[in-house]
Amino acid sequence: MRDINKRLEECYKIVEDKGFETVGIFLQGSQNYELAYENSDIDTKAIVLPKFNDFVLNKHPVSTTLVLDNNEHIDLKDIRLMFDCFKKQNINFVEILFTKYKILNPKYKKLVMPLFENNELIAHYNNYAAVNCIAGMSMEKYKALEHPYPTLIDKIEKYGYDPKQLHHIIRLNEFMKRYINGESYKDCLISKKKDYLIKVKRGLHTLNEARIIAKQLDKETCEVKNQYMASHELNVNHDVEDILNNVLIDVMKYNFQTELMQ
């Protein structure tokens, strides 16, 4: 298995060399779910800060993806947009609050620690947003199951579908059920059928089997969401808003003070 920490250091330097003020860089994807195998890509997300002039002139916050030579990805997000993603309860963003692999800029480490100390609270900020996100992601993966994206042509030609999309549909179905049953978000991120999911990613199922499984589970995930929302009230934790706002203000203030002094 590749050295994740070493790769994080390399990606952190790449982001800084691009001229971004970095709060931190975080592992995203299969390693966080314990579903990686040999030579799995090491993709990351970086939280970056705006420059003072860009903020004053109301320039659009950074939100882009760096595609590296080995086709690994670094998603760059302005801290304001990243916090919006947390509020939307998108698993692909919330997961970085739980990853074991991250590098924090020493300048901001103490200021952002409340994010990780309150990761479960943030992950449960809005129950409706969470289940909507899970169901929405499953639907996206179902639509992509046989779609010939340029980067997936080889898989489509080999299997007739993309096994990775199928594994996501199965994983999200399990995640939904465990989330609404009250398991911690940290536990929900780790599947109870990891060995099976890794086999699925390697092409365990035929095209016909994949179609049946994907259709059934995507439909079930949507039905579970609807049943949950019909039987549970909307619950928005406003304490989380205070946590995010306080961290945002503290980090931005320190960043601008430091930049202006220089």
Protein backbone atom coordinates (compact mmCIF):
# COMPACT_ATOMS: atom_id res chain seq x y z
CA MET A 1 0.00 0.00 0.00
CA ARG A 2 1.31 3.44 -0.91
CA ASP A 3 2.40 5.83 1.83
CA ILE A 4 -0.63 8.08 2.26
CA ASN A 5 1.09 10.57 4.57
CA LYS A 6 3.93 11.05 2.11
CA ARG A 7 1.47 11.63 -0.71
CA LEU A 8 -0.43 14.16 1.41
CA GLU A 9 2.80 16.08 1.97
CA GLU A 10 3.43 16.13 -1.79
CA CYS A 11 -0.11 17.36 -2.49
CA TYR A 12 0.14 20.01 0.21
CA LYS A 13 3.27 21.37 -1.45
CA ILE A 14 1.59 21.33 -4.87
CA VAL A 15 -1.25 23.48 -3.54
CA GLU A 16 1.11 25.93 -1.87
CA ASP A 17 3.29 26.14 -4.98
CA LYS A 18 0.15 27.18 -6.87
CA GLY A 19 0.01 30.23 -4.60
CA PHE A 20 -2.88 29.21 -2.36
CA GLU A 21 -2.99 29.94 1.35
CA THR A 22 -3.85 26.51 2.72
CA VAL A 23 -5.71 25.71 5.92
CA GLY A 24 -5.24 22.01 5.47
CA ILE A 25 -5.29 19.09 3.09
CA PHE A 26 -7.30 15.94 3.71
CA LEU A 27 -7.57 12.45 2.30
CA GLN A 28 -10.83 11.71 0.51
CA GLY A 29 -12.30 8.54 -0.88
CA SER A 30 -11.86 4.81 -0.51
CA GLN A 31 -9.09 4.83 2.12
CA ASN A 32 -11.40 6.68 4.50
CA TYR A 33 -13.94 3.87 4.09
CA GLU A 34 -11.29 1.12 4.38
CA LEU A 35 -12.17 0.07 0.82
CA ALA A 36 -8.88 0.79 -0.91
CA TYR A 37 -6.78 -1.89 -2.55
CA GLU A 38 -3.29 -1.97 -4.03
CA ASN A 39 -2.55 1.06 -6.21
CA SER A 40 -5.80 2.82 -5.35
CA ASP A 41 -5.64 6.52 -6.17
CA ILE A 42 -4.88 8.89 -3.32
CA ASP A 43 -7.25 11.81 -3.85
CA THR A 44 -7.40 14.81 -1.55
CA LYS A 45 -9.37 17.90 -0.64
CA ALA A 46 -7.71 21.17 0.34
CA ILE A 47 -9.31 24.03 2.25
CA VAL A 48 -7.87 27.31 1.00
CA LEU A 49 -8.27 30.97 1.96
CA PRO A 50 -9.02 34.04 -0.13
CA LYS A 51 -6.60 36.92 -0.40
CA PHE A 52 -7.74 40.18 1.19
CA ASN A 53 -8.12 42.03 -2.13
CA ASP A 54 -10.11 39.17 -3.66
CA PHE A 55 -12.42 39.17 -0.65
CA VAL A 56 -12.97 42.94 -0.75
CA LEU A 57 -13.59 42.90 -4.50
CA ASN A 58 -16.03 40.03 -4.02
CA LYS A 59 -14.23 37.73 -6.45
CA HIS A 60 -15.70 34.27 -6.78
CA PRO A 61 -14.38 31.88 -4.11
CA VAL A 62 -12.03 29.17 -5.33
CA SER A 63 -13.66 25.88 -6.23
CA THR A 64 -11.64 23.81 -8.66
CA THR A 65 -9.92 20.48 -9.14
CA LEU A 66 -6.28 19.92 -9.91
CA VAL A 67 -5.80 16.78 -12.00
CA LEU A 68 -2.26 15.52 -11.44
CA ASP A 69 -0.02 13.70 -13.89
CA ASN A 70 -0.98 10.33 -12.42
CA ASN A 71 -4.69 11.28 -12.72
CA GLU A 72 -5.11 11.72 -8.97
CA HIS A 73 -7.19 14.70 -7.91
CA ILE A 74 -6.86 17.58 -5.48
CA ASP A 75 -10.18 19.36 -4.91
CA LEU A 76 -9.59 22.97 -3.86
CA LYS A 77 -12.35 24.69 -1.90
CA ASP A 78 -12.49 28.15 -0.40
CA ILE A 79 -13.20 27.75 3.32
CA ARG A 80 -16.57 29.47 2.90
CA LEU A 81 -17.69 27.01 0.23
CA MET A 82 -16.34 24.07 2.20
CA PHE A 83 -18.42 25.06 5.21
CA ASP A 84 -21.48 25.35 2.95
CA CYS A 85 -20.80 21.78 1.82
CA PHE A 86 -20.70 20.65 5.45
CA LYS A 87 -24.12 22.25 5.95
CA LYS A 88 -25.45 20.48 2.88
CA GLN A 89 -24.27 17.25 4.58
CA ASN A 90 -22.50 15.96 1.48
CA ILE A 91 -20.72 12.76 2.53
CA ASN A 92 -17.81 13.45 0.18
CA PHE A 93 -17.04 16.59 2.20
CA VAL A 94 -18.18 15.63 5.71
CA GLU A 95 -15.89 12.58 5.56
CA ILE A 96 -12.77 14.78 5.81
CA LEU A 97 -13.79 15.67 9.37
CA PHE A 98 -13.25 12.00 10.27
CA THR A 99 -10.22 11.03 8.21
CA LYS A 100 -7.09 9.79 9.95
CA TYR A 101 -5.01 11.36 7.21
CA LYS A 102 -4.68 15.13 7.10
CA ILE A 103 -2.11 17.90 7.25
CA LEU A 104 -3.11 21.14 8.96
CA ASN A 105 -1.27 24.39 8.47
CA PRO A 106 0.32 25.09 11.89
CA LYS A 107 -0.88 28.71 11.65
CA TYR A 108 -4.50 27.64 11.73
CA LYS A 109 -4.39 24.31 13.56
CA LYS A 110 -5.75 25.54 16.90
CA LEU A 111 -8.37 27.69 15.19
CA VAL A 112 -9.85 24.80 13.21
CA MET A 113 -9.71 22.13 15.91
CA PRO A 114 -13.38 22.74 16.87
CA LEU A 115 -14.31 21.22 13.50
CA PHE A 116 -12.79 17.88 14.44
CA GLU A 117 -13.80 18.02 18.08
CA ASN A 118 -17.42 18.47 16.97
CA ASN A 119 -17.36 16.31 13.85
CA GLU A 120 -20.37 14.21 14.87
CA LEU A 121 -22.42 17.33 15.59
CA ILE A 122 -21.50 18.82 12.21
CA ALA A 123 -22.26 15.52 10.48
CA HIS A 124 -25.73 15.60 12.05
CA TYR A 125 -26.40 19.28 11.43
CA ASN A 126 -29.50 18.68 9.28
CA ASN A 127 -31.12 15.26 9.15
CA TYR A 128 -33.22 15.99 6.04
CA ALA A 129 -30.21 17.32 4.15
CA ALA A 130 -28.25 14.21 5.09
CA VAL A 131 -30.78 11.66 3.84
CA ASN A 132 -31.50 13.73 0.73
CA CYS A 133 -27.79 13.81 -0.03
CA ILE A 134 -27.38 10.05 0.41
CA ALA A 135 -30.34 9.29 -1.86
CA GLY A 136 -29.22 11.88 -4.40
CA MET A 137 -25.72 10.41 -4.56
CA SER A 138 -27.16 6.92 -5.08
CA MET A 139 -29.26 8.21 -7.97
CA GLU A 140 -26.19 9.85 -9.54
CA LYS A 141 -24.23 6.61 -9.27
CA TYR A 142 -27.13 4.66 -10.78
CA LYS A 143 -27.29 7.02 -13.76
CA ALA A 144 -23.52 6.68 -14.19
CA LEU A 145 -23.49 2.88 -13.98
CA GLU A 146 -23.23 2.32 -17.74
CA HIS A 147 -22.39 5.82 -18.90
CA PRO A 148 -19.26 5.84 -21.10
CA TYR A 149 -17.34 8.67 -19.46
CA PRO A 150 -13.94 9.08 -21.14
CA THR A 151 -12.06 8.00 -18.02
CA LEU A 152 -14.22 4.88 -17.67
CA ILE A 153 -14.27 3.58 -21.24
CA ASP A 154 -11.90 0.74 -20.36
CA LYS A 155 -14.20 -0.48 -17.57
CA ILE A 156 -17.32 -0.16 -19.70
CA GLU A 157 -15.66 -2.17 -22.47
CA LYS A 158 -14.46 -4.83 -20.02
CA TYR A 159 -17.53 -5.26 -17.81
CA GLY A 160 -20.31 -3.44 -19.64
CA TYR A 161 -20.64 -1.14 -16.63
CA ASP A 162 -18.48 0.61 -14.05
CA PRO A 163 -18.10 -1.66 -10.98
CA LYS A 164 -17.07 1.34 -8.88
CA GLN A 165 -20.50 2.95 -9.38
CA LEU A 166 -22.19 -0.28 -8.31
CA HIS A 167 -20.10 -0.49 -5.15
CA HIS A 168 -21.11 3.10 -4.31
CA ILE A 169 -24.81 2.27 -4.71
CA ILE A 170 -24.46 -0.70 -2.35
CA ARG A 171 -22.40 1.31 0.15
CA LEU A 172 -24.83 4.24 0.18
CA ASN A 173 -27.78 1.92 0.76
CA GLU A 174 -26.05 0.48 3.82
CA PHE A 175 -25.00 3.96 4.97
CA MET A 176 -28.58 5.26 4.77
CA LYS A 177 -29.99 2.43 6.88
CA ARG A 178 -27.31 2.71 9.55
CA TYR A 179 -27.51 6.51 9.66
CA ILE A 180 -31.28 6.60 10.27
CA ASN A 181 -30.88 3.83 12.87
CA GLY A 182 -28.75 6.21 14.94
CA GLU A 183 -25.24 4.82 14.45
CA SER A 184 -22.42 7.32 14.72
CA TYR A 185 -21.32 8.92 11.47
CA LYS A 186 -17.81 7.61 12.05
CA ASP A 187 -19.11 4.05 12.18
CA CYS A 188 -21.42 4.53 9.19
CA LEU A 189 -18.44 5.47 7.04
CA ILE A 190 -16.97 1.99 7.49
CA SER A 191 -19.02 -0.73 5.81
CA LYS A 192 -19.77 -3.98 7.58
CA LYS A 193 -19.25 -5.83 4.29
CA LYS A 194 -15.90 -4.44 3.17
CA ASP A 195 -14.62 -7.66 1.61
CA TYR A 196 -17.71 -7.95 -0.57
CA LEU A 197 -17.54 -4.30 -1.66
CA ILE A 198 -13.90 -4.61 -2.69
CA LYS A 199 -14.83 -7.66 -4.78
CA VAL A 200 -17.66 -5.64 -6.34
CA LYS A 201 -15.17 -2.89 -7.26
CA ARG A 202 -13.04 -5.55 -8.95
CA GLY A 203 -15.95 -6.64 -11.18
CA LEU A 204 -17.56 -9.45 -9.19
CA HIS A 205 -20.96 -9.14 -10.87
CA THR A 206 -22.02 -9.60 -14.47
CA LEU A 207 -23.69 -6.72 -16.28
CA ASN A 208 -27.14 -8.26 -15.79
CA GLU A 209 -26.50 -8.83 -12.09
CA ALA A 210 -25.20 -5.28 -11.70
CA ARG A 211 -28.30 -3.83 -13.37
CA ILE A 212 -30.63 -5.76 -11.06
CA ILE A 213 -28.72 -4.95 -7.88
CA ALA A 214 -28.28 -1.27 -8.76
CA LYS A 215 -31.93 -0.75 -9.68
CA GLN A 216 -33.23 -2.52 -6.59
CA LEU A 217 -30.92 -0.81 -4.09
CA ASP A 218 -31.19 2.67 -5.56
CA LYS A 219 -35.00 2.38 -5.41
CA GLU A 220 -34.82 1.06 -1.86
CA THR A 221 -32.51 3.88 -0.74
CA CYS A 222 -34.98 6.44 -2.08
CA GLU A 223 -37.90 4.68 -0.39
CA VAL A 224 -36.07 4.54 2.94
CA LYS A 225 -35.40 8.28 2.65
CA ASN A 226 -39.05 9.03 1.94
CA GLN A 227 -40.24 6.86 4.82
CA TYR A 228 -37.78 8.51 7.17
CA MET A 229 -38.81 12.04 6.19
CA ALA A 230 -42.49 11.12 6.54
CA SER A 231 -41.98 9.84 10.08
CA HIS A 232 -39.33 12.26 11.41
CA GLU A 233 -39.36 16.02 11.84
CA LEU A 234 -36.70 18.28 10.38
CA ASN A 235 -33.92 18.77 12.93
CA VAL A 236 -31.40 21.56 12.34
CA ASN A 237 -28.71 21.97 15.00
CA HIS A 238 -28.10 25.71 15.26
CA ASP A 239 -25.15 25.14 17.60
CA VAL A 240 -23.33 23.79 14.55
CA GLU A 241 -23.90 27.09 12.75
CA ASP A 242 -22.21 28.88 15.66
CA ILE A 243 -19.26 26.47 15.57
CA LEU A 244 -18.74 26.91 11.83
CA ASN A 245 -19.22 30.67 11.94
CA ASN A 246 -16.78 31.11 14.83
CA VAL A 247 -14.11 29.03 13.12
CA LEU A 248 -14.66 30.89 9.85
CA ILE A 249 -14.35 34.30 11.49
CA ASP A 250 -11.26 33.35 13.51
CA VAL A 251 -9.43 31.84 10.54
CA MET A 252 -10.30 34.63 8.11
CA LYS A 253 -9.38 37.32 10.64
CA TYR A 254 -6.00 35.75 11.36
CA ASN A 255 -5.34 35.25 7.66
CA PHE A 256 -6.09 38.86 6.73
CA GLN A 257 -4.20 40.29 9.68
CA THR A 258 -1.14 38.27 8.74
CA GLU A 259 -1.38 39.19 5.06
CA LEU A 260 -1.79 42.93 5.74
CA MET A 261 1.09 43.01 8.18
CA GLN A 262 3.34 41.54 5.51
